[in-house]
Amino acid sequence: MKNLATFIIINILVFNSHVFASSQKYFDEALSFYNEGKMDEATFLFEKSAVFNPKNTESYVYLGYLNKELENLEKANHYFIIALTLQPDNLELNYLVGEYFYNNKDNDSYNEYVSNLEILCPDGCEYLDQIKKLEIK
């Protein structure tokens, strides 16, 4: 029985390390394609990376950037929100999601992300200044 438990634990560890390595490989390849401007290839591999490691915030962030560059703003915001769920203290993500809601005239949601940034950087920060400048436009 003890040998069976050890065997199962070893198999789980090997499987998890393989999954993580695959996710990292896909992410690295996707980043190369992204930097080369090959958006379709980058999107496909960032999505694969997210499937193999759904807690990899960076895959979702880059999927958001890609979609924002392609002017698919609703989809970009979807990915930014997923990333923000995984990393709620990320200043840039709070700004990007708040900016999306500002541009869509959803003032309640916009104000929520302004409040988040006020909490995250009580002494002020670049992202808080930028999001407040949106109100002035």
C-alpha atoms as a PDB file:
ATOM      1  CA  MET A   1       0.000   0.000   0.000  1.00  0.00           C
ATOM      2  CA  LYS A   2       2.827   2.359   0.887  1.00  0.00           C
ATOM      3  CA  ASN A   3       4.518   1.589  -2.452  1.00  0.00           C
ATOM      4  CA  LEU A   4       1.300   2.347  -4.328  1.00  0.00           C
ATOM      5  CA  ALA A   5       0.948   5.719  -2.594  1.00  0.00           C
ATOM      6  CA  THR A   6       4.583   6.571  -3.413  1.00  0.00           C
ATOM      7  CA  PHE A   7       4.040   5.531  -7.032  1.00  0.00           C
ATOM      8  CA  ILE A   8       0.953   7.757  -7.319  1.00  0.00           C
ATOM      9  CA  ILE A   9       2.720  10.755  -5.769  1.00  0.00           C
ATOM     10  CA  ILE A  10       5.701  10.367  -8.099  1.00  0.00           C
ATOM     11  CA  ASN A  11       3.413  10.144 -11.140  1.00  0.00           C
ATOM     12  CA  ILE A  12       1.536  13.270 -10.071  1.00  0.00           C
ATOM     13  CA  LEU A  13       4.781  15.178  -9.610  1.00  0.00           C
ATOM     14  CA  VAL A  14       6.142  14.060 -12.979  1.00  0.00           C
ATOM     15  CA  PHE A  15       2.869  14.965 -14.701  1.00  0.00           C
ATOM     16  CA  ASN A  16       2.747  18.407 -13.040  1.00  0.00           C
ATOM     17  CA  SER A  17       6.350  19.184 -13.964  1.00  0.00           C
ATOM     18  CA  HIS A  18       5.617  18.155 -17.566  1.00  0.00           C
ATOM     19  CA  VAL A  19       2.529  20.381 -17.664  1.00  0.00           C
ATOM     20  CA  PHE A  20       4.461  23.338 -16.238  1.00  0.00           C
ATOM     21  CA  ALA A  21       7.310  22.815 -18.714  1.00  0.00           C
ATOM     22  CA  SER A  22       4.827  22.665 -21.596  1.00  0.00           C
ATOM     23  CA  SER A  23       3.123  25.838 -20.413  1.00  0.00           C
ATOM     24  CA  GLN A  24       6.452  27.661 -20.133  1.00  0.00           C
ATOM     25  CA  LYS A  25       7.533  26.417 -23.568  1.00  0.00           C
ATOM     26  CA  TYR A  26       4.289  27.680 -25.125  1.00  0.00           C
ATOM     27  CA  PHE A  27       4.592  31.001 -23.297  1.00  0.00           C
ATOM     28  CA  ASP A  28       8.198  31.533 -24.411  1.00  0.00           C
ATOM     29  CA  GLU A  29       7.356  30.709 -28.032  1.00  0.00           C
ATOM     30  CA  ALA A  30       4.289  32.959 -27.890  1.00  0.00           C
ATOM     31  CA  LEU A  31       6.361  35.827 -26.534  1.00  0.00           C
ATOM     32  CA  SER A  32       8.825  35.429 -29.409  1.00  0.00           C
ATOM     33  CA  PHE A  33       5.979  35.533 -31.945  1.00  0.00           C
ATOM     34  CA  TYR A  34       4.463  38.538 -30.149  1.00  0.00           C
ATOM     35  CA  ASN A  35       7.758  40.422 -30.300  1.00  0.00           C
ATOM     36  CA  GLU A  36       8.009  39.585 -34.016  1.00  0.00           C
ATOM     37  CA  GLY A  37       4.498  40.943 -34.623  1.00  0.00           C
ATOM     38  CA  LYS A  38       3.061  37.529 -35.505  1.00  0.00           C
ATOM     39  CA  MET A  39      -0.216  38.014 -33.690  1.00  0.00           C
ATOM     40  CA  ASP A  40      -2.102  34.885 -34.797  1.00  0.00           C
ATOM     41  CA  GLU A  41       0.725  32.552 -33.798  1.00  0.00           C
ATOM     42  CA  ALA A  42       1.263  34.410 -30.517  1.00  0.00           C
ATOM     43  CA  THR A  43      -2.449  34.276 -29.663  1.00  0.00           C
ATOM     44  CA  PHE A  44      -2.648  30.547 -30.303  1.00  0.00           C
ATOM     45  CA  LEU A  45       0.382  29.796 -28.104  1.00  0.00           C
ATOM     46  CA  PHE A  46      -0.621  32.178 -25.290  1.00  0.00           C
ATOM     47  CA  GLU A  47      -3.976  30.385 -25.223  1.00  0.00           C
ATOM     48  CA  LYS A  48      -2.222  27.013 -25.055  1.00  0.00           C
ATOM     49  CA  SER A  49      -0.010  28.301 -22.258  1.00  0.00           C
ATOM     50  CA  ALA A  50      -3.098  29.408 -20.326  1.00  0.00           C
ATOM     51  CA  VAL A  51      -4.715  25.988 -20.797  1.00  0.00           C
ATOM     52  CA  PHE A  52      -1.681  24.174 -19.433  1.00  0.00           C
ATOM     53  CA  ASN A  53      -1.158  26.664 -16.609  1.00  0.00           C
ATOM     54  CA  PRO A  54      -4.368  28.615 -15.923  1.00  0.00           C
ATOM     55  CA  LYS A  55      -2.711  30.475 -13.046  1.00  0.00           C
ATOM     56  CA  ASN A  56      -0.110  32.093 -15.330  1.00  0.00           C
ATOM     57  CA  THR A  57      -1.211  35.714 -15.164  1.00  0.00           C
ATOM     58  CA  GLU A  58       1.192  36.772 -17.903  1.00  0.00           C
ATOM     59  CA  SER A  59      -0.508  34.618 -20.555  1.00  0.00           C
ATOM     60  CA  TYR A  60      -3.782  36.437 -19.924  1.00  0.00           C
ATOM     61  CA  VAL A  61      -2.069  39.836 -19.845  1.00  0.00           C
ATOM     62  CA  TYR A  62      -0.492  39.239 -23.242  1.00  0.00           C
ATOM     63  CA  LEU A  63      -3.779  37.929 -24.639  1.00  0.00           C
ATOM     64  CA  GLY A  64      -5.277  41.200 -23.430  1.00  0.00           C
ATOM     65  CA  TYR A  65      -2.514  43.247 -25.083  1.00  0.00           C
ATOM     66  CA  LEU A  66      -2.927  41.316 -28.342  1.00  0.00           C
ATOM     67  CA  ASN A  67      -6.653  41.883 -28.450  1.00  0.00           C
ATOM     68  CA  LYS A  68      -6.260  45.541 -27.516  1.00  0.00           C
ATOM     69  CA  GLU A  69      -3.800  45.994 -30.382  1.00  0.00           C
ATOM     70  CA  LEU A  70      -6.317  44.299 -32.698  1.00  0.00           C
ATOM     71  CA  GLU A  71      -8.993  46.677 -31.338  1.00  0.00           C
ATOM     72  CA  ASN A  72     -11.024  43.816 -29.921  1.00  0.00           C
ATOM     73  CA  LEU A  73     -11.475  45.764 -26.718  1.00  0.00           C
ATOM     74  CA  GLU A  74     -14.203  43.660 -25.125  1.00  0.00           C
ATOM     75  CA  LYS A  75     -12.098  40.511 -25.480  1.00  0.00           C
ATOM     76  CA  ALA A  76      -8.991  42.369 -24.276  1.00  0.00           C
ATOM     77  CA  ASN A  77     -10.855  43.462 -21.160  1.00  0.00           C
ATOM     78  CA  HIS A  78     -12.049  39.887 -20.617  1.00  0.00           C
ATOM     79  CA  TYR A  79      -8.432  38.689 -20.471  1.00  0.00           C
ATOM     80  CA  PHE A  80      -7.338  41.624 -18.319  1.00  0.00           C
ATOM     81  CA  ILE A  81     -10.102  40.798 -15.817  1.00  0.00           C
ATOM     82  CA  ILE A  82      -8.987  37.161 -15.665  1.00  0.00           C
ATOM     83  CA  ALA A  83      -5.421  38.308 -14.996  1.00  0.00           C
ATOM     84  CA  LEU A  84      -6.666  40.801 -12.407  1.00  0.00           C
ATOM     85  CA  THR A  85      -8.572  38.029 -10.643  1.00  0.00           C
ATOM     86  CA  LEU A  86      -5.286  36.155 -10.316  1.00  0.00           C
ATOM     87  CA  GLN A  87      -3.342  39.254  -9.307  1.00  0.00           C
ATOM     88  CA  PRO A  88      -5.735  41.859  -7.819  1.00  0.00           C
ATOM     89  CA  ASP A  89      -2.951  44.159  -6.619  1.00  0.00           C
ATOM     90  CA  ASN A  90      -1.552  44.699 -10.123  1.00  0.00           C
ATOM     91  CA  LEU A  91      -1.635  48.450 -10.726  1.00  0.00           C
ATOM     92  CA  GLU A  92      -1.454  48.271 -14.511  1.00  0.00           C
ATOM     93  CA  LEU A  93      -4.327  45.786 -14.748  1.00  0.00           C
ATOM     94  CA  ASN A  94      -6.495  47.935 -12.483  1.00  0.00           C
ATOM     95  CA  TYR A  95      -5.753  50.871 -14.765  1.00  0.00           C
ATOM     96  CA  LEU A  96      -6.443  48.949 -17.999  1.00  0.00           C
ATOM     97  CA  VAL A  97      -9.778  47.591 -16.756  1.00  0.00           C
ATOM     98  CA  GLY A  98     -10.761  50.989 -15.359  1.00  0.00           C
ATOM     99  CA  GLU A  99      -9.844  52.640 -18.676  1.00  0.00           C
ATOM    100  CA  TYR A 100     -12.024  50.143 -20.548  1.00  0.00           C
ATOM    101  CA  PHE A 101     -15.028  50.945 -18.360  1.00  0.00           C
ATOM    102  CA  TYR A 102     -14.384  54.686 -18.670  1.00  0.00           C
ATOM    103  CA  ASN A 103     -14.342  54.414 -22.464  1.00  0.00           C
ATOM    104  CA  ASN A 104     -17.596  52.427 -22.324  1.00  0.00           C
ATOM    105  CA  LYS A 105     -19.189  55.069 -20.083  1.00  0.00           C
ATOM    106  CA  ASP A 106     -19.723  52.599 -17.246  1.00  0.00           C
ATOM    107  CA  ASN A 107     -19.024  55.119 -14.483  1.00  0.00           C
ATOM    108  CA  ASP A 108     -19.784  52.787 -11.570  1.00  0.00           C
ATOM    109  CA  SER A 109     -17.271  50.189 -12.757  1.00  0.00           C
ATOM    110  CA  TYR A 110     -14.751  52.887 -13.681  1.00  0.00           C
ATOM    111  CA  ASN A 111     -15.010  54.404 -10.190  1.00  0.00           C
ATOM    112  CA  GLU A 112     -14.460  50.960  -8.658  1.00  0.00           C
ATOM    113  CA  TYR A 113     -11.050  50.703 -10.347  1.00  0.00           C
ATOM    114  CA  VAL A 114     -10.172  54.295  -9.415  1.00  0.00           C
ATOM    115  CA  SER A 115     -10.942  53.310  -5.807  1.00  0.00           C
ATOM    116  CA  ASN A 116      -8.815  50.172  -6.145  1.00  0.00           C
ATOM    117  CA  LEU A 117      -5.870  52.273  -7.311  1.00  0.00           C
ATOM    118  CA  GLU A 118      -6.409  54.778  -4.497  1.00  0.00           C
ATOM    119  CA  ILE A 119      -6.197  51.890  -2.023  1.00  0.00           C
ATOM    120  CA  LEU A 120      -3.220  50.243  -3.733  1.00  0.00           C
ATOM    121  CA  CYS A 121      -1.182  53.440  -3.941  1.00  0.00           C
ATOM    122  CA  PRO A 122      -2.401  55.810  -1.202  1.00  0.00           C
ATOM    123  CA  ASP A 123       0.536  58.173  -1.764  1.00  0.00           C
ATOM    124  CA  GLY A 124      -0.229  58.359  -5.480  1.00  0.00           C
ATOM    125  CA  CYS A 125       1.297  56.572  -8.431  1.00  0.00           C
ATOM    126  CA  GLU A 126       1.538  56.844 -12.200  1.00  0.00           C
ATOM    127  CA  TYR A 127      -1.497  54.629 -12.870  1.00  0.00           C
ATOM    128  CA  LEU A 128      -3.680  56.539 -10.421  1.00  0.00           C
ATOM    129  CA  ASP A 129      -2.647  59.824 -12.032  1.00  0.00           C
ATOM    130  CA  GLN A 130      -3.360  58.419 -15.510  1.00  0.00           C
ATOM    131  CA  ILE A 131      -6.788  57.073 -14.638  1.00  0.00           C
ATOM    132  CA  LYS A 132      -7.797  60.356 -13.007  1.00  0.00           C
ATOM    133  CA  LYS A 133      -6.700  62.256 -16.123  1.00  0.00           C
ATOM    134  CA  LEU A 134      -9.334  60.306 -18.051  1.00  0.00           C
ATOM    135  CA  GLU A 135     -11.994  62.221 -16.106  1.00  0.00           C
ATOM    136  CA  ILE A 136     -10.593  65.534 -17.384  1.00  0.00           C
ATOM    137  CA  LYS A 137     -10.852  64.643 -21.103  1.00  0.00           C
END
